[in-house]
C-alpha atoms as a PDB file:
ATOM      1  CA  MET A   1      37.552  14.824 168.977  1.00  0.00           C
ATOM      2  CA  ASP A   2      36.310  15.194 165.268  1.00  0.00           C
ATOM      3  CA  ARG A   3      36.363  19.000 165.288  1.00  0.00           C
ATOM      4  CA  LEU A   4      38.568  20.619 162.743  1.00  0.00           C
ATOM      5  CA  SER A   5      41.208  22.557 164.216  1.00  0.00           C
ATOM      6  CA  PRO A   6      41.125  26.480 163.704  1.00  0.00           C
ATOM      7  CA  THR A   7      44.058  26.243 161.531  1.00  0.00           C
ATOM      8  CA  ALA A   8      43.012  23.645 159.178  1.00  0.00           C
ATOM      9  CA  GLN A   9      41.406  24.635 155.837  1.00  0.00           C
ATOM     10  CA  LYS A  10      38.547  23.311 154.155  1.00  0.00           C
ATOM     11  CA  PRO A  11      39.005  21.873 151.019  1.00  0.00           C
ATOM     12  CA  PRO A  12      37.539  24.293 148.064  1.00  0.00           C
ATOM     13  CA  GLU A  13      33.911  23.239 147.066  1.00  0.00           C
ATOM     14  CA  THR A  14      33.341  21.725 143.669  1.00  0.00           C
ATOM     15  CA  ASN A  15      31.437  22.812 140.840  1.00  0.00           C
ATOM     16  CA  ALA A  16      29.417  20.402 138.901  1.00  0.00           C
ATOM     17  CA  LEU A  17      29.772  22.751 135.838  1.00  0.00           C
ATOM     18  CA  ASP A  18      33.372  22.196 136.358  1.00  0.00           C
ATOM     19  CA  SER A  19      33.624  18.261 135.906  1.00  0.00           C
ATOM     20  CA  THR A  20      31.446  18.380 132.423  1.00  0.00           C
ATOM     21  CA  LYS A  21      33.841  21.047 131.013  1.00  0.00           C
ATOM     22  CA  ARG A  22      36.852  18.776 131.739  1.00  0.00           C
ATOM     23  CA  LYS A  23      37.741  16.214 128.954  1.00  0.00           C
ATOM     24  CA  VAL A  24      38.738  12.913 130.407  1.00  0.00           C
ATOM     25  CA  ARG A  25      41.339  10.917 128.317  1.00  0.00           C
ATOM     26  CA  PRO A  26      40.892   7.547 127.772  1.00  0.00           C
ATOM     27  CA  THR A  27      43.860   4.829 128.691  1.00  0.00           C
ATOM     28  CA  VAL A  28      45.146   2.911 125.947  1.00  0.00           C
ATOM     29  CA  THR A  29      43.266  -0.169 127.099  1.00  0.00           C
ATOM     30  CA  GLN A  30      40.140   1.508 126.820  1.00  0.00           C
ATOM     31  CA  LEU A  31      40.496   2.726 123.435  1.00  0.00           C
ATOM     32  CA  SER A  32      41.529  -0.715 121.911  1.00  0.00           C
ATOM     33  CA  TRP A  33      38.286  -1.757 123.818  1.00  0.00           C
ATOM     34  CA  LEU A  34      36.183   0.824 122.361  1.00  0.00           C
ATOM     35  CA  SER A  35      37.472   0.276 118.846  1.00  0.00           C
ATOM     36  CA  ARG A  36      36.965  -3.527 119.260  1.00  0.00           C
ATOM     37  CA  GLY A  37      32.783  -2.705 119.155  1.00  0.00           C
ATOM     38  CA  LEU A  38      33.364  -1.025 115.942  1.00  0.00           C
ATOM     39  CA  GLU A  39      33.388  -4.237 113.846  1.00  0.00           C
ATOM     40  CA  GLN A  40      30.580  -5.861 116.071  1.00  0.00           C
ATOM     41  CA  ALA A  41      26.798  -5.680 115.243  1.00  0.00           C
ATOM     42  CA  GLY A  42      25.312  -3.110 117.299  1.00  0.00           C
ATOM     43  CA  GLY A  43      28.397  -1.796 118.700  1.00  0.00           C
ATOM     44  CA  LYS A  44      28.814  -5.277 121.133  1.00  0.00           C
ATOM     45  CA  LEU A  45      32.191  -4.592 123.118  1.00  0.00           C
ATOM     46  CA  PRO A  46      34.166  -7.885 123.505  1.00  0.00           C
ATOM     47  CA  LEU A  47      34.590  -9.768 126.679  1.00  0.00           C
ATOM     48  CA  PHE A  48      37.937 -10.925 125.721  1.00  0.00           C
ATOM     49  CA  ASP A  49      41.262  -9.239 123.946  1.00  0.00           C
ATOM     50  CA  HIS A  50      43.059 -10.424 121.281  1.00  0.00           C
ATOM     51  CA  PHE A  51      44.943 -12.855 122.886  1.00  0.00           C
ATOM     52  CA  GLY A  52      41.881 -14.610 124.807  1.00  0.00           C
ATOM     53  CA  GLN A  53      42.686 -12.575 128.052  1.00  0.00           C
ATOM     54  CA  ARG A  54      39.067 -11.395 129.886  1.00  0.00           C
ATOM     55  CA  TYR A  55      39.388  -7.758 129.820  1.00  0.00           C
ATOM     56  CA  ASP A  56      39.586  -5.856 133.588  1.00  0.00           C
ATOM     57  CA  SER A  57      36.360  -4.989 135.141  1.00  0.00           C
ATOM     58  CA  ARG A  58      38.052  -2.057 135.955  1.00  0.00           C
ATOM     59  CA  THR A  59      38.319  -0.819 132.368  1.00  0.00           C
ATOM     60  CA  ILE A  60      34.814  -1.419 131.517  1.00  0.00           C
ATOM     61  CA  GLN A  61      33.667  -0.144 134.879  1.00  0.00           C
ATOM     62  CA  SER A  62      35.219   2.940 133.787  1.00  0.00           C
ATOM     63  CA  CYS A  63      33.890   3.275 130.467  1.00  0.00           C
ATOM     64  CA  ILE A  64      30.463   2.706 131.614  1.00  0.00           C
ATOM     65  CA  ALA A  65      31.214   5.854 134.181  1.00  0.00           C
ATOM     66  CA  GLN A  66      32.476   7.765 131.384  1.00  0.00           C
ATOM     67  CA  GLY A  67      29.733   7.435 129.080  1.00  0.00           C
ATOM     68  CA  TRP A  68      31.537   5.549 126.414  1.00  0.00           C
ATOM     69  CA  ALA A  69      29.738   2.463 127.077  1.00  0.00           C
ATOM     70  CA  GLU A  70      26.098   1.071 128.140  1.00  0.00           C
ATOM     71  CA  PRO A  71      25.140  -2.285 129.882  1.00  0.00           C
ATOM     72  CA  TRP A  72      23.347  -4.132 127.163  1.00  0.00           C
ATOM     73  CA  PHE A  73      21.970  -7.339 129.055  1.00  0.00           C
ATOM     74  CA  LYS A  74      22.638  -9.796 131.507  1.00  0.00           C
ATOM     75  CA  ASN A  75      24.171 -13.067 130.439  1.00  0.00           C
ATOM     76  CA  PRO A  76      22.020 -15.757 132.168  1.00  0.00           C
ATOM     77  CA  ILE A  77      25.102 -18.354 131.906  1.00  0.00           C
ATOM     78  CA  LYS A  78      27.756 -16.086 133.516  1.00  0.00           C
ATOM     79  CA  PRO A  79      25.749 -13.403 135.654  1.00  0.00           C
ATOM     80  CA  ASP A  80      29.378 -11.962 136.568  1.00  0.00           C
ATOM     81  CA  TRP A  81      30.182 -11.123 132.862  1.00  0.00           C
ATOM     82  CA  LEU A  82      28.897  -7.289 131.883  1.00  0.00           C
ATOM     83  CA  VAL A  83      28.029  -7.492 128.237  1.00  0.00           C
ATOM     84  CA  CYS A  84      28.262  -4.205 126.793  1.00  0.00           C
ATOM     85  CA  ARG A  85      27.607  -1.722 123.739  1.00  0.00           C
ATOM     86  CA  LEU A  86      29.321   1.494 122.385  1.00  0.00           C
ATOM     87  CA  THR A  87      27.500   4.876 122.896  1.00  0.00           C
ATOM     88  CA  ALA A  88      27.285   7.593 120.896  1.00  0.00           C
ATOM     89  CA  GLU A  89      29.520   9.373 122.396  1.00  0.00           C
ATOM     90  CA  GLY A  90      32.290   5.911 122.590  1.00  0.00           C
ATOM     91  CA  ARG A  91      31.570   5.342 118.975  1.00  0.00           C
ATOM     92  CA  ALA A  92      33.020   8.799 117.975  1.00  0.00           C
ATOM     93  CA  LEU A  93      35.526   8.308 120.355  1.00  0.00           C
ATOM     94  CA  ALA A  94      36.847   4.767 118.787  1.00  0.00           C
ATOM     95  CA  GLU A  95      35.996   5.968 115.263  1.00  0.00           C
ATOM     96  CA  ALA A  96      38.532   9.148 115.881  1.00  0.00           C
ATOM     97  CA  GLY A  97      41.267   6.736 117.207  1.00  0.00           C
ATOM     98  CA  GLU A  98      40.577   4.396 114.308  1.00  0.00           C
ATOM     99  CA  ALA A  99      41.108   6.705 111.917  1.00  0.00           C
ATOM    100  CA  LEU A 100      44.216   8.235 113.267  1.00  0.00           C
ATOM    101  CA  ALA A 101      45.977   4.701 113.874  1.00  0.00           C
ATOM    102  CA  GLU A 102      45.169   3.183 110.514  1.00  0.00           C
ATOM    103  CA  GLU A 103      47.036   6.447 108.863  1.00  0.00           C
ATOM    104  CA  GLY A 104      50.225   4.705 110.079  1.00  0.00           C
ATOM    105  CA  SER A 105      49.710   1.215 109.655  1.00  0.00           C
ATOM    106  CA  GLU A 106      50.535  -0.160 106.325  1.00  0.00           C
ATOM    107  CA  ASP A 107      51.132  -3.993 106.668  1.00  0.00           C
ATOM    108  CA  ALA A 108      49.007  -6.709 106.493  1.00  0.00           C
ATOM    109  CA  ASP A 109      48.306  -7.858 109.870  1.00  0.00           C
ATOM    110  CA  GLY A 110      49.038  -4.276 111.239  1.00  0.00           C
ATOM    111  CA  HIS A 111      47.392  -5.318 114.541  1.00  0.00           C
ATOM    112  CA  GLN A 112      50.653  -4.765 116.755  1.00  0.00           C
ATOM    113  CA  GLN A 113      51.321  -1.407 114.758  1.00  0.00           C
ATOM    114  CA  ARG A 114      48.064  -0.579 115.140  1.00  0.00           C
ATOM    115  CA  GLU A 115      47.934  -0.788 118.807  1.00  0.00           C
ATOM    116  CA  ALA A 116      51.489   1.545 119.224  1.00  0.00           C
ATOM    117  CA  ARG A 117      49.711   3.562 117.058  1.00  0.00           C
ATOM    118  CA  ILE A 118      46.642   4.075 119.392  1.00  0.00           C
ATOM    119  CA  ARG A 119      49.492   4.651 122.092  1.00  0.00           C
ATOM    120  CA  ASP A 120      51.008   7.217 120.523  1.00  0.00           C
ATOM    121  CA  LEU A 121      47.676   8.697 119.516  1.00  0.00           C
ATOM    122  CA  VAL A 122      45.982   9.125 122.504  1.00  0.00           C
ATOM    123  CA  ASP A 123      47.357  12.505 123.696  1.00  0.00           C
ATOM    124  CA  ASP A 124      46.548  14.022 120.436  1.00  0.00           C
ATOM    125  CA  ILE A 125      42.959  13.128 120.466  1.00  0.00           C
ATOM    126  CA  PHE A 126      42.528  15.431 123.352  1.00  0.00           C
ATOM    127  CA  ARG A 127      44.788  18.801 122.738  1.00  0.00           C
END
């Protein structure tokens, strides 16, 4: 019963080199999370956003999988909290996003403008 029908097509084999050539584009949330690590000693990435909400674990795990962040140490008080820091690649990505976002922010509290600018520029970084 597990046999393929004679007309079924096999999925194309993927080449390991193809995945390394393709640039993965970060989401706005990922880029925002990574850029917050630029402000911290050792590139420590925050557990909570500007509004006090915990970052989604999928965002953190995705950044780790892409090589933009790495686990730093285990939190003995809260073992389910993953404390991470920027990698060299993550730092370069965050700095590129910051540089482009700061070009458009002009007022003192610029946070909302900066976030909007990051959203607008995510596509531009990978073109």
